[in-house]
Amino acid sequence: MTASIILLLVFLLGMVVIGIWGMKKTATLNDFFLGGRSVGPWITAFAYGTSYFSAVVFIGFGGKIGWGYGLKGLAIAIGNAFIGTTAAWLILGRRARRMTQNLDAMTMPEFLQERFGSRYIKMFAALIIFVFLIPYSASVFKGLGYLFEKNFHIQFETALLIMVAITGLYLVLGGYFAVTLTDFVQGIIMIFGSILMVWILSGKAAEIAGTSGIGGGFTAATDSYNQWHSALPAGKEPSMLMLGALVFMTSFGVWGMPQMVQKFYAIKNEAVINKAALITTIFAVIISFAAYYTGALTHIFYDKPPMGANGPDFDRIIPELLTQYLPSWLMAVILLLILSASMSTLSSLVLVSASSVAIDLYKGHINPQISKENSLLMMRFLSAVFIVISYFVARYQLSFIIELMALSWGAVAGAFMAPFFFGLYWKKATHSGVVLGMITAIATNVILYYWLGAAKSPIAASIAMIVPFIVIPLVSFVTKPPKAEIIETAFAGVSGQTVPSTQSVKMP
């Protein structure tokens, strides 16, 4: 316990110091939100990876998938690494960097406005971010609170306040510079902790099963899972359709998540993309493999998962496994790993949520002439406000907030993935097509969520992500095409198109 507290205090102090350092480098709104578009490959890669994987993947998600699917759950790790990272960087990164600079856009809503020539699409997109990402960030706060309560014996409410104070301090002070540097530090902790966790647990599993090494861990995990699976009643086997939906949702979904694609806007130049893609892929392979492989080992250690008031409590299976089988010093590192994963995700979510109001709504519609000093001040203020809102949402779990948390991934990824992709690659995509695509995505996600049930929400989310890829082309073929000057500016320097004399056709 003493080692854990010391490491925690050092870690949190380091986050504050980084925030103060970042403040010295932050002079404009562009600095605060995008780091002045000057971030290198290593920092950007770690920022992307740590935003991707939060505490959820190590605790509830990894345990539940590992218990239900065994080593087949590693399909999610493969999808996350090579679709959610490698393909995302190589397919989206270069064009996203070039087009957002051509259009002078800093956020996803601002990109959609400038690319499709409509003021009001930005308001709609900002509203989607505000409604669905705040509950999402609150769910991360909630997980952190329970982590502190269980391992440091700090009351849940007190733990939440600590997280609010630390995250708020380094984010509000340092903005994107502080977030990316803390992500780099947190990413190193995540890699170190994940490798040690897999090494030790594989050895323990092999020892229990009478084998040896990581290979022995794989064999033991397969045998123990098959034994459990063969005893299941007919019709109770885990659904492979659900596994496929989870792979699709978590791998392709990040292509439309504003807090993820923001990393492409902020890179120093297009030359760093291949290096950043490689670094992020290696990071994703290590982290996602560790999470789902650890989950697959659970059948070796347990005959049945921990039970809660309403049945199996998969949120407890990994924490209890780690507490029981890891030495105290390594458990302290793992706690920092989980804390790091969550804080990096949380800071990215808050930054994007605050930008939806400060940049997309206030600066974009209410007061376009606001000075750069006041813009920066407002962004800092709203970041603090959104962290406080997330605290209250996490503290008071109202039923409609819980529903929004469950709907958030499908709604946000469904609304933005196809418009963002078509905006980057298809010149004939129209404003009407994009708006109807966003509306049908959200409607599809909500309807299927309540029709299929919450347990099948990944299927609902996956379908909601696919539908706009059908709707947008169909509507675009029969509606007014985009203005030629917008296309000329957006695609300048892309696919051999020359750069026009005017650098931007930014909406008034």
Protein backbone atom coordinates (compact mmCIF):
# COMPACT_ATOMS: atom_id res chain seq x y z
CA MET A 1 0.00 0.00 0.00
CA THR A 2 2.82 2.41 0.86
CA ALA A 3 4.54 1.76 -2.49
CA SER A 4 1.25 2.37 -4.32
CA ILE A 5 0.64 5.68 -2.56
CA ILE A 6 4.20 6.90 -3.18
CA LEU A 7 4.04 6.01 -6.87
CA LEU A 8 0.61 7.62 -7.14
CA LEU A 9 1.80 10.88 -5.55
CA VAL A 10 4.87 11.03 -7.80
CA PHE A 11 2.70 10.36 -10.84
CA LEU A 12 0.12 13.02 -9.99
CA LEU A 13 2.81 15.58 -9.15
CA GLY A 14 4.40 14.88 -12.51
CA MET A 15 1.09 15.57 -14.28
CA VAL A 16 0.81 18.95 -12.56
CA VAL A 17 4.41 19.89 -13.48
CA ILE A 18 3.71 19.00 -17.11
CA GLY A 19 0.59 21.17 -17.03
CA ILE A 20 2.62 24.16 -15.82
CA TRP A 21 5.22 23.52 -18.53
CA GLY A 22 2.50 23.28 -21.18
CA MET A 23 1.03 26.61 -20.08
CA LYS A 24 4.27 28.36 -21.06
CA LYS A 25 3.95 26.97 -24.60
CA THR A 26 0.26 27.81 -25.02
CA ALA A 27 -0.47 31.30 -26.34
CA THR A 28 -3.34 30.79 -28.81
CA LEU A 29 -6.47 28.72 -29.25
CA ASN A 30 -4.65 26.71 -31.92
CA ASP A 31 -1.88 25.96 -29.40
CA PHE A 32 -4.39 24.89 -26.75
CA PHE A 33 -6.42 22.59 -28.98
CA LEU A 34 -3.91 21.33 -31.57
CA GLY A 35 -0.50 22.14 -30.11
CA GLY A 36 0.08 24.62 -32.93
CA ARG A 37 0.00 21.69 -35.41
CA SER A 38 3.62 20.99 -34.44
CA VAL A 39 3.48 17.62 -32.67
CA GLY A 40 6.03 14.97 -33.72
CA PRO A 41 5.47 11.27 -34.47
CA TRP A 42 6.36 9.73 -31.09
CA ILE A 43 4.24 12.11 -29.02
CA THR A 44 1.32 11.93 -31.46
CA ALA A 45 1.48 8.14 -31.67
CA PHE A 46 1.36 7.76 -27.90
CA ALA A 47 -1.41 10.36 -27.65
CA TYR A 48 -3.48 8.33 -30.13
CA GLY A 49 -2.79 5.02 -28.41
CA THR A 50 -3.45 6.18 -24.86
CA SER A 51 -6.69 7.88 -25.93
CA TYR A 52 -7.77 4.63 -27.60
CA PHE A 53 -7.34 2.31 -24.63
CA SER A 54 -8.90 3.35 -21.32
CA ALA A 55 -9.40 1.49 -18.04
CA VAL A 56 -12.50 -0.16 -19.50
CA VAL A 57 -10.43 -2.41 -21.76
CA PHE A 58 -8.34 -3.65 -18.83
CA ILE A 59 -11.15 -4.10 -16.33
CA GLY A 60 -14.71 -4.80 -17.46
CA PHE A 61 -14.24 -5.30 -21.20
CA GLY A 62 -11.12 -7.48 -21.11
CA GLY A 63 -12.54 -9.67 -18.36
CA LYS A 64 -15.96 -10.12 -19.98
CA ILE A 65 -14.60 -10.84 -23.47
CA GLY A 66 -11.87 -13.12 -22.15
CA TRP A 67 -14.34 -15.14 -20.08
CA GLY A 68 -16.88 -15.46 -22.88
CA TYR A 69 -14.61 -16.01 -25.88
CA GLY A 70 -11.23 -17.12 -24.52
CA LEU A 71 -8.35 -16.57 -26.92
CA LYS A 72 -10.84 -15.85 -29.73
CA GLY A 73 -11.19 -12.47 -28.03
CA LEU A 74 -7.74 -11.63 -29.41
CA ALA A 75 -9.56 -10.95 -32.69
CA ILE A 76 -10.52 -7.62 -31.11
CA ALA A 77 -6.87 -6.91 -30.36
CA ILE A 78 -5.92 -7.64 -33.97
CA GLY A 79 -8.72 -5.41 -35.27
CA ASN A 80 -7.82 -2.58 -32.90
CA ALA A 81 -4.15 -2.73 -33.85
CA PHE A 82 -4.37 -3.03 -37.63
CA ILE A 83 -7.72 -1.40 -38.45
CA GLY A 84 -8.14 1.07 -35.60
CA THR A 85 -4.51 2.22 -35.73
CA THR A 86 -2.47 1.22 -38.82
CA ALA A 87 -5.28 1.61 -41.37
CA ALA A 88 -6.66 4.70 -39.67
CA TRP A 89 -3.30 6.46 -39.84
CA LEU A 90 -2.51 5.44 -43.41
CA ILE A 91 -5.99 5.98 -44.88
CA LEU A 92 -7.16 9.03 -42.93
CA GLY A 93 -4.08 10.70 -41.48
CA ARG A 94 -2.50 12.39 -44.51
CA ARG A 95 -5.74 13.72 -45.98
CA ALA A 96 -7.08 14.81 -42.60
CA ARG A 97 -3.91 16.82 -41.93
CA ARG A 98 -3.91 18.42 -45.38
CA MET A 99 -7.63 19.20 -45.63
CA THR A 100 -8.06 20.63 -42.15
CA GLN A 101 -5.17 22.97 -42.86
CA ASN A 102 -6.57 23.88 -46.29
CA LEU A 103 -9.96 24.66 -44.75
CA ASP A 104 -8.55 26.26 -41.58
CA ALA A 105 -10.56 23.81 -39.45
CA MET A 106 -9.58 22.74 -35.94
CA THR A 107 -12.47 20.45 -34.94
CA MET A 108 -14.65 17.76 -36.50
CA PRO A 109 -17.75 20.06 -36.59
CA GLU A 110 -15.67 22.85 -38.12
CA PHE A 111 -14.29 20.48 -40.76
CA LEU A 112 -17.81 19.35 -41.69
CA GLN A 113 -18.98 22.98 -41.94
CA GLU A 114 -16.13 24.09 -44.19
CA ARG A 115 -16.02 20.92 -46.29
CA PHE A 116 -19.77 20.83 -47.03
CA GLY A 117 -20.50 24.55 -47.00
CA SER A 118 -23.06 24.82 -44.21
CA ARG A 119 -23.04 26.83 -41.00
CA TYR A 120 -25.65 24.74 -39.28
CA ILE A 121 -24.08 21.33 -39.73
CA LYS A 122 -21.44 22.53 -37.27
CA MET A 123 -24.09 23.28 -34.65
CA PHE A 124 -25.66 19.85 -35.16
CA ALA A 125 -22.29 18.09 -34.92
CA ALA A 126 -21.29 20.08 -31.83
CA LEU A 127 -24.57 19.13 -30.17
CA ILE A 128 -23.91 15.43 -30.83
CA ILE A 129 -20.48 15.74 -29.21
CA PHE A 130 -21.86 17.60 -26.22
CA VAL A 131 -24.75 15.17 -25.61
CA PHE A 132 -22.85 11.90 -26.01
CA LEU A 133 -19.21 12.52 -25.07
CA ILE A 134 -19.88 14.10 -21.68
CA PRO A 135 -21.57 10.89 -20.39
CA TYR A 136 -18.72 8.92 -21.98
CA SER A 137 -16.12 10.95 -20.06
CA ALA A 138 -18.20 10.60 -16.91
CA SER A 139 -18.06 6.81 -17.25
CA VAL A 140 -14.24 7.04 -17.24
CA PHE A 141 -14.38 9.18 -14.08
CA LYS A 142 -16.64 6.60 -12.49
CA GLY A 143 -14.22 3.77 -13.23
CA LEU A 144 -11.32 5.75 -11.78
CA GLY A 145 -13.32 6.51 -8.63
CA TYR A 146 -14.01 2.83 -7.97
CA LEU A 147 -10.36 1.99 -8.67
CA PHE A 148 -9.23 4.44 -5.97
CA GLU A 149 -11.89 3.29 -3.56
CA LYS A 150 -10.91 -0.37 -3.83
CA ASN A 151 -7.13 -0.06 -3.86
CA PHE A 152 -6.39 3.07 -1.83
CA HIS A 153 -9.39 2.89 0.51
CA ILE A 154 -10.44 6.40 -0.44
CA GLN A 155 -14.17 7.12 -0.54
CA PHE A 156 -15.66 7.19 -4.03
CA GLU A 157 -16.67 10.87 -3.82
CA THR A 158 -13.21 11.89 -2.55
CA ALA A 159 -11.51 9.89 -5.29
CA LEU A 160 -13.63 11.63 -7.92
CA LEU A 161 -12.66 15.02 -6.53
CA ILE A 162 -8.96 14.10 -6.68
CA MET A 163 -9.31 13.09 -10.33
CA VAL A 164 -11.23 16.27 -11.13
CA ALA A 165 -8.54 18.42 -9.52
CA ILE A 166 -5.53 16.74 -11.15
CA THR A 167 -7.02 16.27 -14.63
CA GLY A 168 -8.46 19.77 -14.57
CA LEU A 169 -5.19 21.34 -13.48
CA TYR A 170 -2.89 19.92 -16.14
CA LEU A 171 -5.50 20.11 -18.92
CA VAL A 172 -6.69 23.66 -18.21
CA LEU A 173 -3.16 24.96 -17.79
CA GLY A 174 -1.34 23.21 -20.60
CA GLY A 175 -3.98 22.24 -23.16
CA TYR A 176 -2.93 19.88 -25.96
CA PHE A 177 0.79 20.30 -25.26
CA ALA A 178 0.26 19.05 -21.70
CA VAL A 179 -2.16 16.31 -22.78
CA THR A 180 0.23 14.86 -25.36
CA LEU A 181 3.26 14.96 -23.09
CA THR A 182 1.35 13.32 -20.23
CA ASP A 183 0.07 10.78 -22.75
CA PHE A 184 3.67 9.96 -23.65
CA VAL A 185 4.60 9.40 -20.00
CA GLN A 186 1.40 7.44 -19.41
CA GLY A 187 2.02 5.37 -22.53
CA ILE A 188 5.44 4.27 -21.31
CA ILE A 189 3.87 3.21 -18.00
CA MET A 190 1.17 1.29 -19.89
CA ILE A 191 3.71 -0.61 -22.01
CA PHE A 192 5.96 -1.45 -19.06
CA GLY A 193 3.05 -2.54 -16.86
CA SER A 194 1.34 -4.58 -19.59
CA ILE A 195 4.47 -6.58 -20.45
CA LEU A 196 5.17 -7.38 -16.79
CA MET A 197 1.53 -8.29 -16.17
CA VAL A 198 1.43 -10.75 -19.09
CA TRP A 199 4.79 -12.27 -18.15
CA ILE A 200 3.90 -12.94 -14.53
CA LEU A 201 0.32 -14.09 -15.09
CA SER A 202 1.40 -16.42 -17.90
CA GLY A 203 3.91 -17.97 -15.54
CA LYS A 204 1.28 -18.38 -12.82
CA ALA A 205 -1.20 -19.88 -15.29
CA ALA A 206 1.37 -22.29 -16.69
CA GLU A 207 2.35 -23.31 -13.15
CA ILE A 208 -1.28 -24.08 -12.25
CA ALA A 209 -1.76 -26.04 -15.48
CA GLY A 210 1.55 -27.89 -15.20
CA THR A 211 3.13 -26.31 -18.31
CA SER A 212 5.70 -23.53 -18.72
CA GLY A 213 6.20 -20.10 -20.31
CA ILE A 214 3.86 -17.93 -22.37
CA GLY A 215 3.30 -20.83 -24.78
CA GLY A 216 2.19 -22.89 -21.81
CA GLY A 217 -0.15 -20.08 -20.85
CA PHE A 218 -1.73 -20.19 -24.31
CA THR A 219 -2.20 -23.96 -24.11
CA ALA A 220 -3.63 -23.78 -20.59
CA ALA A 221 -5.99 -20.94 -21.56
CA THR A 222 -7.26 -22.93 -24.56
CA ASP A 223 -7.77 -26.14 -22.58
CA SER A 224 -9.52 -24.46 -19.64
CA TYR A 225 -11.79 -22.44 -21.94
CA ASN A 226 -12.72 -25.50 -24.03
CA GLN A 227 -13.57 -27.40 -20.86
CA TRP A 228 -15.88 -24.57 -19.70
CA HIS A 229 -17.37 -24.13 -23.16
CA SER A 230 -18.18 -27.84 -23.57
CA ALA A 231 -20.22 -27.77 -20.36
CA LEU A 232 -22.49 -24.93 -21.55
CA PRO A 233 -26.14 -25.81 -22.24
CA ALA A 234 -27.21 -25.85 -25.88
CA GLY A 235 -27.99 -22.35 -27.12
CA LYS A 236 -25.94 -20.65 -24.39
CA GLU A 237 -22.70 -20.42 -26.35
CA PRO A 238 -21.27 -16.92 -26.80
CA SER A 239 -22.39 -15.42 -30.10
CA MET A 240 -19.77 -15.14 -32.83
CA LEU A 241 -21.94 -12.43 -34.41
CA MET A 242 -21.48 -10.42 -31.24
CA LEU A 243 -17.71 -10.94 -31.37
CA GLY A 244 -17.66 -9.76 -34.97
CA ALA A 245 -19.70 -6.69 -34.02
CA LEU A 246 -17.27 -5.91 -31.20
CA VAL A 247 -14.30 -6.15 -33.58
CA PHE A 248 -16.03 -3.88 -36.10
CA MET A 249 -17.34 -1.37 -33.57
CA THR A 250 -14.10 -0.92 -31.63
CA SER A 251 -11.81 -1.01 -34.68
CA PHE A 252 -13.64 1.04 -37.31
CA GLY A 253 -15.48 3.20 -34.77
CA VAL A 254 -12.37 5.22 -33.92
CA TRP A 255 -12.31 6.45 -37.54
CA GLY A 256 -15.20 8.72 -36.62
CA MET A 257 -14.46 9.59 -32.99
CA PRO A 258 -13.55 13.31 -32.77
CA GLN A 259 -11.04 12.84 -29.93
CA MET A 260 -9.15 10.30 -32.08
CA VAL A 261 -9.06 12.00 -35.49
CA GLN A 262 -8.03 15.25 -33.78
CA LYS A 263 -4.58 13.66 -33.47
CA PHE A 264 -4.24 13.71 -37.27
CA TYR A 265 -4.92 17.46 -37.42
CA ALA A 266 -2.17 18.22 -34.90
CA ILE A 267 0.81 16.43 -36.45
CA LYS A 268 3.81 18.52 -37.50
CA ASN A 269 3.63 17.50 -41.18
CA GLU A 270 2.60 14.63 -43.42
CA ALA A 271 6.10 13.17 -43.42
CA VAL A 272 5.66 11.86 -39.86
CA ILE A 273 2.57 9.79 -40.66
CA ASN A 274 4.26 6.50 -41.58
CA LYS A 275 6.48 6.62 -38.51
CA ALA A 276 3.54 7.52 -36.26
CA ALA A 277 1.49 4.68 -37.78
CA LEU A 278 4.23 2.16 -37.00
CA ILE A 279 4.74 3.39 -33.42
CA THR A 280 1.01 3.44 -32.70
CA THR A 281 0.54 -0.05 -34.13
CA ILE A 282 3.26 -1.50 -31.91
CA PHE A 283 1.73 0.27 -28.92
CA ALA A 284 -1.76 -1.04 -29.78
CA VAL A 285 -0.52 -4.61 -30.25
CA ILE A 286 1.11 -4.62 -26.81
CA ILE A 287 -1.76 -2.99 -24.91
CA SER A 288 -4.68 -4.75 -26.60
CA PHE A 289 -2.97 -8.15 -26.49
CA ALA A 290 -2.25 -7.70 -22.78
CA ALA A 291 -5.87 -6.81 -22.00
CA TYR A 292 -7.58 -9.61 -23.91
CA TYR A 293 -4.95 -12.25 -23.23
CA THR A 294 -5.24 -11.57 -19.49
CA GLY A 295 -9.01 -11.94 -19.83
CA ALA A 296 -8.55 -15.27 -21.59
CA LEU A 297 -6.46 -16.58 -18.68
CA THR A 298 -9.33 -16.16 -16.21
CA HIS A 299 -10.69 -19.68 -16.75
CA ILE A 300 -7.41 -21.08 -15.44
CA PHE A 301 -7.75 -19.17 -12.18
CA TYR A 302 -11.53 -19.32 -11.63
CA ASP A 303 -14.26 -21.92 -12.03
CA LYS A 304 -16.85 -19.15 -12.28
CA PRO A 305 -16.74 -15.35 -12.39
CA PRO A 306 -17.42 -13.24 -9.27
CA MET A 307 -21.13 -12.83 -8.70
CA GLY A 308 -22.98 -9.58 -8.09
CA ALA A 309 -26.56 -8.77 -7.18
CA ASN A 310 -27.69 -9.23 -10.80
CA GLY A 311 -25.49 -12.12 -11.88
CA PRO A 312 -21.82 -12.37 -12.96
CA ASP A 313 -19.84 -9.21 -12.20
CA PHE A 314 -17.17 -9.12 -14.91
CA ASP A 315 -15.91 -5.74 -13.72
CA ARG A 316 -14.44 -7.52 -10.68
CA ILE A 317 -12.78 -10.51 -12.32
CA ILE A 318 -9.59 -8.81 -13.58
CA PRO A 319 -9.06 -6.57 -10.50
CA GLU A 320 -9.46 -9.57 -8.19
CA LEU A 321 -7.15 -11.68 -10.36
CA LEU A 322 -4.45 -9.00 -10.30
CA THR A 323 -4.79 -8.35 -6.57
CA GLN A 324 -4.47 -12.05 -5.76
CA TYR A 325 -1.62 -13.07 -8.06
CA LEU A 326 0.60 -10.04 -8.63
CA PRO A 327 3.27 -8.89 -6.16
CA SER A 328 2.46 -5.62 -4.39
CA TRP A 329 5.12 -3.60 -6.22
CA LEU A 330 3.79 -4.71 -9.61
CA MET A 331 0.22 -4.13 -8.53
CA ALA A 332 1.23 -0.53 -7.85
CA VAL A 333 2.53 -0.28 -11.43
CA ILE A 334 -0.68 -1.85 -12.80
CA LEU A 335 -2.76 0.66 -10.86
CA LEU A 336 -0.78 3.42 -12.55
CA LEU A 337 -1.29 1.65 -15.89
CA ILE A 338 -5.07 1.69 -15.45
CA LEU A 339 -5.00 5.24 -14.10
CA SER A 340 -2.86 6.36 -17.05
CA ALA A 341 -5.16 4.73 -19.59
CA SER A 342 -8.18 6.43 -18.08
CA MET A 343 -6.73 9.91 -17.55
CA SER A 344 -5.44 10.11 -21.12
CA THR A 345 -8.81 9.10 -22.53
CA LEU A 346 -10.58 11.48 -20.18
CA SER A 347 -8.44 14.50 -21.07
CA SER A 348 -8.98 13.92 -24.80
CA LEU A 349 -12.74 13.63 -24.32
CA VAL A 350 -12.93 16.81 -22.24
CA LEU A 351 -10.78 18.75 -24.72
CA VAL A 352 -13.03 17.78 -27.65
CA SER A 353 -16.23 18.39 -25.65
CA ALA A 354 -15.07 21.87 -24.59
CA SER A 355 -14.12 22.70 -28.17
CA SER A 356 -17.65 21.89 -29.34
CA VAL A 357 -18.87 24.90 -27.34
CA ALA A 358 -15.87 27.26 -27.33
CA ILE A 359 -14.86 26.87 -30.99
CA ASP A 360 -17.86 25.42 -32.83
CA LEU A 361 -20.75 27.20 -31.12
CA TYR A 362 -19.50 30.38 -29.42
CA LYS A 363 -16.66 31.43 -31.73
CA GLY A 364 -18.37 29.96 -34.78
CA HIS A 365 -21.86 31.45 -34.31
CA ILE A 366 -22.28 33.77 -31.34
CA ASN A 367 -19.14 35.90 -31.38
CA PRO A 368 -16.89 35.24 -34.41
CA GLN A 369 -14.85 38.36 -33.68
CA ILE A 370 -13.70 37.24 -30.23
CA SER A 371 -10.00 37.99 -29.67
CA LYS A 372 -7.44 35.19 -29.52
CA GLU A 373 -6.76 35.96 -25.85
CA ASN A 374 -10.44 35.66 -24.95
CA SER A 375 -10.81 32.56 -27.12
CA LEU A 376 -8.02 30.86 -25.21
CA LEU A 377 -9.49 31.99 -21.89
CA MET A 378 -12.91 30.63 -22.85
CA MET A 379 -11.44 27.29 -23.93
CA ARG A 380 -9.66 26.93 -20.59
CA PHE A 381 -12.79 27.93 -18.70
CA LEU A 382 -15.01 25.50 -20.60
CA SER A 383 -12.51 22.65 -20.15
CA ALA A 384 -12.81 23.20 -16.40
CA VAL A 385 -16.61 23.41 -16.65
CA PHE A 386 -16.83 20.17 -18.61
CA ILE A 387 -14.64 18.35 -16.10
CA VAL A 388 -16.95 19.52 -13.31
CA ILE A 389 -20.01 18.44 -15.31
CA SER A 390 -18.42 15.02 -15.85
CA TYR A 391 -17.86 14.78 -12.09
CA PHE A 392 -21.53 15.40 -11.30
CA VAL A 393 -22.66 13.01 -14.03
CA ALA A 394 -20.38 10.31 -12.58
CA ARG A 395 -21.43 11.14 -9.02
CA TYR A 396 -25.20 11.04 -9.64
CA GLN A 397 -25.93 8.15 -11.96
CA LEU A 398 -29.31 9.20 -13.36
CA SER A 399 -31.04 6.63 -15.53
CA PHE A 400 -31.05 8.74 -18.70
CA ILE A 401 -27.32 9.42 -18.28
CA ILE A 402 -26.63 5.69 -18.09
CA GLU A 403 -28.57 5.23 -21.33
CA LEU A 404 -26.54 7.96 -23.03
CA MET A 405 -23.33 6.22 -21.93
CA ALA A 406 -24.48 3.00 -23.55
CA LEU A 407 -25.50 4.82 -26.74
CA SER A 408 -22.45 7.09 -26.96
CA TRP A 409 -20.06 4.99 -29.06
CA GLY A 410 -22.61 4.02 -31.71
CA ALA A 411 -24.11 7.51 -31.88
CA VAL A 412 -20.84 9.42 -32.22
CA ALA A 413 -19.00 6.94 -34.47
CA GLY A 414 -22.13 6.42 -36.59
CA ALA A 415 -22.76 10.15 -36.98
CA PHE A 416 -19.19 11.10 -37.93
CA MET A 417 -17.41 8.12 -39.50
CA ALA A 418 -19.03 8.17 -42.97
CA PRO A 419 -19.24 12.01 -43.27
CA PHE A 420 -15.57 12.29 -42.33
CA PHE A 421 -14.51 9.54 -44.74
CA PHE A 422 -16.56 10.88 -47.66
CA GLY A 423 -15.39 14.40 -46.85
CA LEU A 424 -11.80 13.24 -47.29
CA TYR A 425 -12.26 11.03 -50.34
CA TRP A 426 -15.41 11.83 -52.34
CA LYS A 427 -15.81 15.20 -54.01
CA LYS A 428 -19.47 14.61 -54.90
CA ALA A 429 -20.70 14.11 -51.32
CA THR A 430 -23.29 16.79 -50.57
CA HIS A 431 -24.39 18.69 -47.51
CA SER A 432 -27.87 17.11 -47.66
CA GLY A 433 -26.42 13.62 -47.94
CA VAL A 434 -24.15 14.13 -44.94
CA VAL A 435 -26.89 15.60 -42.74
CA LEU A 436 -29.31 12.77 -43.54
CA GLY A 437 -26.50 10.27 -43.00
CA MET A 438 -25.84 11.67 -39.53
CA ILE A 439 -29.55 11.68 -38.64
CA THR A 440 -30.14 8.11 -39.83
CA ALA A 441 -27.05 6.89 -37.95
CA ILE A 442 -28.28 8.24 -34.62
CA ALA A 443 -31.86 7.09 -35.26
CA THR A 444 -30.68 3.60 -36.26
CA ASN A 445 -28.49 3.30 -33.18
CA VAL A 446 -31.24 4.38 -30.78
CA ILE A 447 -33.99 2.25 -32.37
CA LEU A 448 -31.87 -0.91 -32.55
CA TYR A 449 -30.52 -0.38 -29.04
CA TYR A 450 -34.01 -0.51 -27.57
CA TRP A 451 -35.27 -3.17 -29.99
CA LEU A 452 -32.38 -5.61 -29.61
CA GLY A 453 -31.65 -4.77 -25.97
CA ALA A 454 -28.65 -3.24 -24.24
CA ALA A 455 -26.75 -6.55 -24.28
CA LYS A 456 -26.61 -6.36 -28.09
CA SER A 457 -25.64 -2.69 -28.30
CA PRO A 458 -22.43 -3.50 -30.28
CA ILE A 459 -24.60 -4.90 -33.07
CA ALA A 460 -26.78 -1.78 -33.01
CA ALA A 461 -23.69 0.44 -33.08
CA SER A 462 -22.11 -1.48 -35.96
CA ILE A 463 -25.24 -1.22 -38.10
CA ALA A 464 -25.53 2.49 -37.26
CA MET A 465 -21.98 2.98 -38.51
CA ILE A 466 -22.72 1.18 -41.82
CA VAL A 467 -26.06 2.81 -42.69
CA PRO A 468 -24.64 6.31 -43.52
CA PHE A 469 -22.29 4.73 -46.08
CA ILE A 470 -25.46 3.81 -47.99
CA VAL A 471 -27.51 6.92 -47.25
CA ILE A 472 -24.90 9.57 -48.10
CA PRO A 473 -24.18 8.38 -51.69
CA LEU A 474 -27.87 7.80 -52.47
CA VAL A 475 -28.88 11.29 -51.29
CA SER A 476 -25.80 12.96 -52.79
CA PHE A 477 -26.66 11.67 -56.28
CA VAL A 478 -30.02 13.51 -56.24
CA THR A 479 -29.15 16.72 -54.35
CA LYS A 480 -27.29 19.92 -55.14
CA PRO A 481 -23.53 19.30 -55.57
CA PRO A 482 -21.00 21.16 -53.43
CA LYS A 483 -19.54 24.44 -54.65
CA ALA A 484 -16.53 24.09 -56.94
CA GLU A 485 -14.44 26.55 -54.93
CA ILE A 486 -14.94 24.51 -51.74
CA ILE A 487 -13.80 21.33 -53.51
CA GLU A 488 -10.84 23.15 -55.05
CA THR A 489 -9.68 24.47 -51.68
CA ALA A 490 -10.36 21.28 -49.71
CA PHE A 491 -8.54 18.99 -52.14
CA ALA A 492 -5.62 21.34 -52.83
CA GLY A 493 -2.43 19.29 -52.79
CA VAL A 494 -4.43 16.04 -52.57
CA SER A 495 -4.36 13.52 -55.45
CA GLY A 496 -2.22 15.83 -57.54
CA GLN A 497 -4.59 18.79 -57.41
CA THR A 498 -2.81 22.13 -57.45
CA VAL A 499 -3.03 24.62 -54.60
CA PRO A 500 -5.34 27.54 -55.47
CA SER A 501 -4.35 31.14 -54.99
CA THR A 502 -6.91 31.53 -52.16
CA GLN A 503 -5.96 29.51 -49.13
CA SER A 504 -9.42 29.15 -47.66
CA VAL A 505 -13.11 29.69 -48.34
CA LYS A 506 -14.00 29.70 -44.67
CA MET A 507 -17.70 30.15 -43.97
CA PRO A 508 -18.63 33.65 -42.77
